[in-house]
PDB file of N, CA and C in Angstrom:
ATOM      1  N   MET A   1     -25.321  -2.956  13.965  1.00  0.00           N
ATOM      2  CA  MET A   1     -24.470  -3.530  15.002  1.00  0.00           C
ATOM      3  C   MET A   1     -24.981  -3.040  16.359  1.00  0.00           C
ATOM      4  N   ASN A   2     -25.151  -3.970  17.286  1.00  0.00           N
ATOM      5  CA  ASN A   2     -25.657  -3.567  18.592  1.00  0.00           C
ATOM      6  C   ASN A   2     -24.602  -2.765  19.364  1.00  0.00           C
ATOM      7  N   PRO A   3     -25.019  -1.954  20.323  1.00  0.00           N
ATOM      8  CA  PRO A   3     -24.080  -1.073  21.042  1.00  0.00           C
ATOM      9  C   PRO A   3     -22.933  -1.815  21.720  1.00  0.00           C
ATOM     10  N   GLN A   4     -23.193  -3.000  22.264  1.00  0.00           N
ATOM     11  CA  GLN A   4     -22.134  -3.761  22.943  1.00  0.00           C
ATOM     12  C   GLN A   4     -21.060  -4.195  21.957  1.00  0.00           C
ATOM     13  N   LYS A   5     -21.462  -4.691  20.796  1.00  0.00           N
ATOM     14  CA  LYS A   5     -20.500  -5.097  19.756  1.00  0.00           C
ATOM     15  C   LYS A   5     -19.737  -3.888  19.223  1.00  0.00           C
ATOM     16  N   LYS A   6     -20.446  -2.764  19.033  1.00  0.00           N
ATOM     17  CA  LYS A   6     -19.800  -1.541  18.563  1.00  0.00           C
ATOM     18  C   LYS A   6     -18.760  -1.073  19.578  1.00  0.00           C
ATOM     19  N   PHE A   7     -19.123  -1.103  20.859  1.00  0.00           N
ATOM     20  CA  PHE A   7     -18.193  -0.714  21.923  1.00  0.00           C
ATOM     21  C   PHE A   7     -16.949  -1.596  21.876  1.00  0.00           C
ATOM     22  N   HIS A   8     -17.152  -2.909  21.765  1.00  0.00           N
ATOM     23  CA  HIS A   8     -16.031  -3.847  21.755  1.00  0.00           C
ATOM     24  C   HIS A   8     -15.135  -3.628  20.531  1.00  0.00           C
ATOM     25  N   LEU A   9     -15.720  -3.336  19.378  1.00  0.00           N
ATOM     26  CA  LEU A   9     -14.939  -3.068  18.172  1.00  0.00           C
ATOM     27  C   LEU A   9     -14.112  -1.795  18.321  1.00  0.00           C
ATOM     28  N   VAL A  10     -14.742  -0.716  18.785  1.00  0.00           N
ATOM     29  CA  VAL A  10     -14.019   0.551  18.965  1.00  0.00           C
ATOM     30  C   VAL A  10     -12.930   0.391  20.031  1.00  0.00           C
ATOM     31  N   PHE A  11     -13.245  -0.309  21.125  1.00  0.00           N
ATOM     32  CA  PHE A  11     -12.246  -0.571  22.160  1.00  0.00           C
ATOM     33  C   PHE A  11     -11.055  -1.325  21.571  1.00  0.00           C
ATOM     34  N   SER A  12     -11.313  -2.353  20.778  1.00  0.00           N
ATOM     35  CA  SER A  12     -10.240  -3.151  20.179  1.00  0.00           C
ATOM     36  C   SER A  12      -9.345  -2.293  19.291  1.00  0.00           C
ATOM     37  N   ILE A  13      -9.953  -1.424  18.494  1.00  0.00           N
ATOM     38  CA  ILE A  13      -9.176  -0.556  17.599  1.00  0.00           C
ATOM     39  C   ILE A  13      -8.346   0.442  18.402  1.00  0.00           C
ATOM     40  N   LEU A  14      -8.953   1.084  19.399  1.00  0.00           N
ATOM     41  CA  LEU A  14      -8.214   2.066  20.207  1.00  0.00           C
ATOM     42  C   LEU A  14      -7.115   1.406  21.031  1.00  0.00           C
ATOM     43  N   MET A  15      -7.419   0.285  21.663  1.00  0.00           N
ATOM     44  CA  MET A  15      -6.418  -0.422  22.451  1.00  0.00           C
ATOM     45  C   MET A  15      -5.264  -0.863  21.563  1.00  0.00           C
ATOM     46  N   GLY A  16      -5.598  -1.409  20.396  1.00  0.00           N
ATOM     47  CA  GLY A  16      -4.554  -1.838  19.472  1.00  0.00           C
ATOM     48  C   GLY A  16      -3.702  -0.680  19.002  1.00  0.00           C
ATOM     49  N   THR A  17      -4.330   0.433  18.657  1.00  0.00           N
ATOM     50  CA  THR A  17      -3.582   1.594  18.184  1.00  0.00           C
ATOM     51  C   THR A  17      -2.574   2.055  19.225  1.00  0.00           C
ATOM     52  N   ILE A  18      -3.030   2.243  20.443  1.00  0.00           N
ATOM     53  CA  ILE A  18      -2.145   2.739  21.506  1.00  0.00           C
ATOM     54  C   ILE A  18      -1.056   1.722  21.830  1.00  0.00           C
ATOM     55  N   MET A  19      -1.455   0.481  22.066  1.00  0.00           N
ATOM     56  CA  MET A  19      -0.501  -0.541  22.472  1.00  0.00           C
ATOM     57  C   MET A  19       0.521  -0.832  21.377  1.00  0.00           C
ATOM     58  N   PHE A  20       0.067  -0.955  20.139  1.00  0.00           N
ATOM     59  CA  PHE A  20       0.991  -1.314  19.068  1.00  0.00           C
ATOM     60  C   PHE A  20       1.906  -0.165  18.682  1.00  0.00           C
ATOM     61  N   LEU A  21       1.442   1.083  18.779  1.00  0.00           N
ATOM     62  CA  LEU A  21       2.342   2.209  18.527  1.00  0.00           C
ATOM     63  C   LEU A  21       3.499   2.208  19.521  1.00  0.00           C
ATOM     64  N   VAL A  22       3.181   2.044  20.795  1.00  0.00           N
ATOM     65  CA  VAL A  22       4.224   2.056  21.833  1.00  0.00           C
ATOM     66  C   VAL A  22       5.147   0.847  21.682  1.00  0.00           C
ATOM     67  N   MET A  23       4.563  -0.349  21.561  1.00  0.00           N
ATOM     68  CA  MET A  23       5.377  -1.560  21.494  1.00  0.00           C
ATOM     69  C   MET A  23       6.263  -1.600  20.249  1.00  0.00           C
ATOM     70  N   THR A  24       5.708  -1.253  19.084  1.00  0.00           N
ATOM     71  CA  THR A  24       6.533  -1.304  17.881  1.00  0.00           C
ATOM     72  C   THR A  24       7.603  -0.224  17.891  1.00  0.00           C
ATOM     73  N   PHE A  25       7.315   0.937  18.523  1.00  0.00           N
ATOM     74  CA  PHE A  25       8.343   1.974  18.662  1.00  0.00           C
ATOM     75  C   PHE A  25       9.516   1.437  19.472  1.00  0.00           C
ATOM     76  N   VAL A  26       9.218   0.872  20.630  1.00  0.00           N
ATOM     77  CA  VAL A  26      10.269   0.374  21.529  1.00  0.00           C
ATOM     78  C   VAL A  26      11.063  -0.760  20.872  1.00  0.00           C
ATOM     79  N   ILE A  27      10.360  -1.701  20.264  1.00  0.00           N
ATOM     80  CA  ILE A  27      11.045  -2.840  19.665  1.00  0.00           C
ATOM     81  C   ILE A  27      11.859  -2.411  18.441  1.00  0.00           C
ATOM     82  N   THR A  28      11.317  -1.530  17.617  1.00  0.00           N
ATOM     83  CA  THR A  28      12.068  -1.043  16.458  1.00  0.00           C
ATOM     84  C   THR A  28      13.296  -0.281  16.918  1.00  0.00           C
ATOM     85  N   PHE A  29      13.142   0.573  17.925  1.00  0.00           N
ATOM     86  CA  PHE A  29      14.290   1.330  18.451  1.00  0.00           C
ATOM     87  C   PHE A  29      15.347   0.389  19.023  1.00  0.00           C
ATOM     88  N   ALA A  30      14.923  -0.646  19.744  1.00  0.00           N
ATOM     89  CA  ALA A  30      15.866  -1.605  20.319  1.00  0.00           C
ATOM     90  C   ALA A  30      16.619  -2.358  19.227  1.00  0.00           C
ATOM     91  N   ASN A  31      15.959  -2.617  18.116  1.00  0.00           N
ATOM     92  CA  ASN A  31      16.589  -3.394  17.046  1.00  0.00           C
ATOM     93  C   ASN A  31      17.459  -2.577  16.100  1.00  0.00           C
ATOM     94  N   VAL A  32      17.053  -1.354  15.764  1.00  0.00           N
ATOM     95  CA  VAL A  32      17.797  -0.594  14.754  1.00  0.00           C
ATOM     96  C   VAL A  32      18.346   0.731  15.257  1.00  0.00           C
ATOM     97  N   GLY A  33      17.934   1.156  16.463  1.00  0.00           N
ATOM     98  CA  GLY A  33      18.389   2.451  16.967  1.00  0.00           C
ATOM     99  C   GLY A  33      17.734   3.590  16.204  1.00  0.00           C
ATOM    100  N   TRP A  34      18.226   4.788  16.480  1.00  0.00           N
ATOM    101  CA  TRP A  34      17.666   5.994  15.858  1.00  0.00           C
ATOM    102  C   TRP A  34      18.315   6.173  14.491  1.00  0.00           C
ATOM    103  N   SER A  35      17.923   5.336  13.532  1.00  0.00           N
ATOM    104  CA  SER A  35      18.542   5.355  12.217  1.00  0.00           C
ATOM    105  C   SER A  35      17.762   6.255  11.268  1.00  0.00           C
ATOM    106  N   GLU A  36      18.331   6.427  10.110  1.00  0.00           N
ATOM    107  CA  GLU A  36      17.745   7.287   9.083  1.00  0.00           C
ATOM    108  C   GLU A  36      16.412   6.743   8.564  1.00  0.00           C
ATOM    109  N   ASN A  37      16.247   5.437   8.576  1.00  0.00           N
ATOM    110  CA  ASN A  37      14.991   4.847   8.093  1.00  0.00           C
ATOM    111  C   ASN A  37      14.121   4.323   9.243  1.00  0.00           C
ATOM    112  N   PHE A  38      14.329   4.848  10.456  1.00  0.00           N
ATOM    113  CA  PHE A  38      13.586   4.414  11.632  1.00  0.00           C
ATOM    114  C   PHE A  38      12.071   4.538  11.428  1.00  0.00           C
ATOM    115  N   SER A  39      11.615   5.693  10.967  1.00  0.00           N
ATOM    116  CA  SER A  39      10.173   5.923  10.815  1.00  0.00           C
ATOM    117  C   SER A  39       9.536   4.922   9.864  1.00  0.00           C
ATOM    118  N   ARG A  40      10.206   4.650   8.766  1.00  0.00           N
ATOM    119  CA  ARG A  40       9.678   3.692   7.786  1.00  0.00           C
ATOM    120  C   ARG A  40       9.592   2.297   8.401  1.00  0.00           C
ATOM    121  N   LEU A  41      10.650   1.880   9.091  1.00  0.00           N
ATOM    122  CA  LEU A  41      10.657   0.558   9.725  1.00  0.00           C
ATOM    123  C   LEU A  41       9.613   0.469  10.837  1.00  0.00           C
ATOM    124  N   TRP A  42       9.480   1.544  11.606  1.00  0.00           N
ATOM    125  CA  TRP A  42       8.501   1.571  12.692  1.00  0.00           C
ATOM    126  C   TRP A  42       7.081   1.452  12.147  1.00  0.00           C
ATOM    127  N   MET A  43       6.758   2.230  11.108  1.00  0.00           N
ATOM    128  CA  MET A  43       5.414   2.190  10.547  1.00  0.00           C
ATOM    129  C   MET A  43       5.113   0.847   9.881  1.00  0.00           C
ATOM    130  N   LYS A  44       6.132   0.221   9.298  1.00  0.00           N
ATOM    131  CA  LYS A  44       5.947  -1.113   8.723  1.00  0.00           C
ATOM    132  C   LYS A  44       5.605  -2.105   9.833  1.00  0.00           C
ATOM    133  N   ALA A  45       6.368  -2.058  10.921  1.00  0.00           N
ATOM    134  CA  ALA A  45       6.110  -2.948  12.055  1.00  0.00           C
ATOM    135  C   ALA A  45       4.736  -2.665  12.657  1.00  0.00           C
ATOM    136  N   TYR A  46       4.380  -1.392  12.769  1.00  0.00           N
ATOM    137  CA  TYR A  46       3.077  -1.020  13.319  1.00  0.00           C
ATOM    138  C   TYR A  46       1.943  -1.562  12.443  1.00  0.00           C
ATOM    139  N   GLY A  47       2.063  -1.422  11.139  1.00  0.00           N
ATOM    140  CA  GLY A  47       1.024  -1.907  10.230  1.00  0.00           C
ATOM    141  C   GLY A  47       0.803  -3.406  10.356  1.00  0.00           C
ATOM    142  N   ILE A  48       1.887  -4.144  10.452  1.00  0.00           N
ATOM    143  CA  ILE A  48       1.772  -5.597  10.611  1.00  0.00           C
ATOM    144  C   ILE A  48       1.141  -5.932  11.956  1.00  0.00           C
ATOM    145  N   ALA A  49       1.629  -5.293  13.030  1.00  0.00           N
ATOM    146  CA  ALA A  49       1.094  -5.553  14.370  1.00  0.00           C
ATOM    147  C   ALA A  49      -0.386  -5.204  14.450  1.00  0.00           C
ATOM    148  N   PHE A  50      -0.775  -4.086  13.861  1.00  0.00           N
ATOM    149  CA  PHE A  50      -2.170  -3.652  13.905  1.00  0.00           C
ATOM    150  C   PHE A  50      -3.071  -4.641  13.156  1.00  0.00           C
ATOM    151  N   ALA A  51      -2.631  -5.039  11.962  1.00  0.00           N
ATOM    152  CA  ALA A  51      -3.436  -5.942  11.134  1.00  0.00           C
ATOM    153  C   ALA A  51      -3.654  -7.296  11.799  1.00  0.00           C
ATOM    154  N   ILE A  52      -2.676  -7.758  12.533  1.00  0.00           N
ATOM    155  CA  ILE A  52      -2.792  -9.046  13.213  1.00  0.00           C
ATOM    156  C   ILE A  52      -3.399  -8.872  14.602  1.00  0.00           C
ATOM    157  N   GLY A  53      -2.990  -7.822  15.301  1.00  0.00           N
ATOM    158  CA  GLY A  53      -3.353  -7.655  16.704  1.00  0.00           C
ATOM    159  C   GLY A  53      -4.768  -7.223  16.981  1.00  0.00           C
ATOM    160  N   VAL A  54      -5.328  -6.330  16.182  1.00  0.00           N
ATOM    161  CA  VAL A  54      -6.688  -5.845  16.452  1.00  0.00           C
ATOM    162  C   VAL A  54      -7.708  -6.986  16.353  1.00  0.00           C
ATOM    163  N   PRO A  55      -7.652  -7.808  15.316  1.00  0.00           N
ATOM    164  CA  PRO A  55      -8.574  -8.955  15.322  1.00  0.00           C
ATOM    165  C   PRO A  55      -8.339  -9.887  16.513  1.00  0.00           C
ATOM    166  N   MET A  56      -7.072 -10.040  16.913  1.00  0.00           N
ATOM    167  CA  MET A  56      -6.782 -10.866  18.083  1.00  0.00           C
ATOM    168  C   MET A  56      -7.425 -10.281  19.333  1.00  0.00           C
ATOM    169  N   ILE A  57      -7.292  -8.975  19.523  1.00  0.00           N
ATOM    170  CA  ILE A  57      -7.923  -8.328  20.680  1.00  0.00           C
ATOM    171  C   ILE A  57      -9.429  -8.538  20.618  1.00  0.00           C
ATOM    172  N   PHE A  58     -10.012  -8.328  19.446  1.00  0.00           N
ATOM    173  CA  PHE A  58     -11.460  -8.432  19.296  1.00  0.00           C
ATOM    174  C   PHE A  58     -11.965  -9.828  19.671  1.00  0.00           C
ATOM    175  N   PHE A  59     -11.263 -10.859  19.219  1.00  0.00           N
ATOM    176  CA  PHE A  59     -11.744 -12.218  19.454  1.00  0.00           C
ATOM    177  C   PHE A  59     -11.233 -12.833  20.756  1.00  0.00           C
ATOM    178  N   VAL A  60     -10.062 -12.451  21.219  1.00  0.00           N
ATOM    179  CA  VAL A  60      -9.469 -13.074  22.404  1.00  0.00           C
ATOM    180  C   VAL A  60      -9.881 -12.375  23.698  1.00  0.00           C
ATOM    181  N   ALA A  61     -10.154 -11.079  23.669  1.00  0.00           N
ATOM    182  CA  ALA A  61     -10.499 -10.352  24.896  1.00  0.00           C
ATOM    183  C   ALA A  61     -11.691 -10.963  25.630  1.00  0.00           C
ATOM    184  N   PRO A  62     -12.778 -11.333  24.947  1.00  0.00           N
ATOM    185  CA  PRO A  62     -13.892 -11.960  25.684  1.00  0.00           C
ATOM    186  C   PRO A  62     -13.496 -13.275  26.365  1.00  0.00           C
ATOM    187  N   VAL A  63     -12.660 -14.055  25.699  1.00  0.00           N
ATOM    188  CA  VAL A  63     -12.191 -15.311  26.281  1.00  0.00           C
ATOM    189  C   VAL A  63     -11.326 -15.019  27.504  1.00  0.00           C
ATOM    190  N   ALA A  64     -10.415 -14.054  27.369  1.00  0.00           N
ATOM    191  CA  ALA A  64      -9.549 -13.681  28.489  1.00  0.00           C
ATOM    192  C   ALA A  64     -10.367 -13.142  29.659  1.00  0.00           C
ATOM    193  N   ARG A  65     -11.416 -12.388  29.353  1.00  0.00           N
ATOM    194  CA  ARG A  65     -12.295 -11.848  30.404  1.00  0.00           C
ATOM    195  C   ARG A  65     -12.979 -12.980  31.165  1.00  0.00           C
ATOM    196  N   LYS A  66     -13.475 -13.985  30.437  1.00  0.00           N
ATOM    197  CA  LYS A  66     -14.129 -15.129  31.085  1.00  0.00           C
ATOM    198  C   LYS A  66     -13.145 -15.945  31.916  1.00  0.00           C
ATOM    199  N   LEU A  67     -11.950 -16.179  31.369  1.00  0.00           N
ATOM    200  CA  LEU A  67     -10.936 -16.927  32.113  1.00  0.00           C
ATOM    201  C   LEU A  67     -10.518 -16.184  33.379  1.00  0.00           C
ATOM    202  N   THR A  68     -10.379 -14.873  33.280  1.00  0.00           N
ATOM    203  CA  THR A  68     -10.034 -14.062  34.447  1.00  0.00           C
ATOM    204  C   THR A  68     -11.122 -14.167  35.510  1.00  0.00           C
ATOM    205  N   GLY A  69     -12.368 -14.122  35.076  1.00  0.00           N
ATOM    206  CA  GLY A  69     -13.474 -14.284  36.006  1.00  0.00           C
ATOM    207  C   GLY A  69     -13.434 -15.616  36.718  1.00  0.00           C
ATOM    208  N   ARG A  70     -13.114 -16.675  35.989  1.00  0.00           N
ATOM    209  CA  ARG A  70     -13.009 -18.009  36.595  1.00  0.00           C
ATOM    210  C   ARG A  70     -11.860 -18.079  37.591  1.00  0.00           C
ATOM    211  N   VAL A  71     -10.707 -17.553  37.209  1.00  0.00           N
ATOM    212  CA  VAL A  71      -9.541 -17.580  38.084  1.00  0.00           C
ATOM    213  C   VAL A  71      -9.809 -16.839  39.385  1.00  0.00           C
ATOM    214  N   LEU A  72     -10.461 -15.688  39.278  1.00  0.00           N
ATOM    215  CA  LEU A  72     -10.729 -14.853  40.446  1.00  0.00           C
ATOM    216  C   LEU A  72     -12.040 -15.192  41.132  1.00  0.00           C
ATOM    217  N   GLY A  73     -12.841 -16.054  40.517  1.00  0.00           N
ATOM    218  CA  GLY A  73     -14.114 -16.430  41.111  1.00  0.00           C
ATOM    219  C   GLY A  73     -15.128 -15.304  41.122  1.00  0.00           C
ATOM    220  N   VAL A  74     -15.085 -14.450  40.101  1.00  0.00           N
ATOM    221  CA  VAL A  74     -16.036 -13.352  40.003  1.00  0.00           C
ATOM    222  C   VAL A  74     -16.705 -13.396  38.636  1.00  0.00           C
ATOM    223  N   SER A  75     -17.827 -12.712  38.533  1.00  0.00           N
ATOM    224  CA  SER A  75     -18.520 -12.610  37.259  1.00  0.00           C
ATOM    225  C   SER A  75     -17.948 -11.454  36.454  1.00  0.00           C
ATOM    226  N   PRO A  76     -17.452 -11.728  35.235  1.00  0.00           N
ATOM    227  CA  PRO A  76     -16.883 -10.648  34.419  1.00  0.00           C
ATOM    228  C   PRO A  76     -17.975  -9.738  33.866  1.00  0.00           C
ATOM    229  N   GLY A  77     -18.294  -8.695  34.606  1.00  0.00           N
ATOM    230  CA  GLY A  77     -19.367  -7.786  34.234  1.00  0.00           C
ATOM    231  C   GLY A  77     -19.066  -7.052  33.041  1.00  0.00           C
TER     232      GLY A  77
END
């Protein structure tokens, strides 16, 4: 795997891990509160979000980068 692809893969995994941990924590807490099975529900939500979201980040981020460049009239370096 070339360094650019490796960088993008690692970035996608790290971004997904951080973002989905925070988002699923907040959403799970908003939905069920600090309940006895909070951790189990949170980790279930995190697993689903991670499995769907990381591939989305990997494939959609380049498209979003190009669209942002077009909107702003700059080259997405």
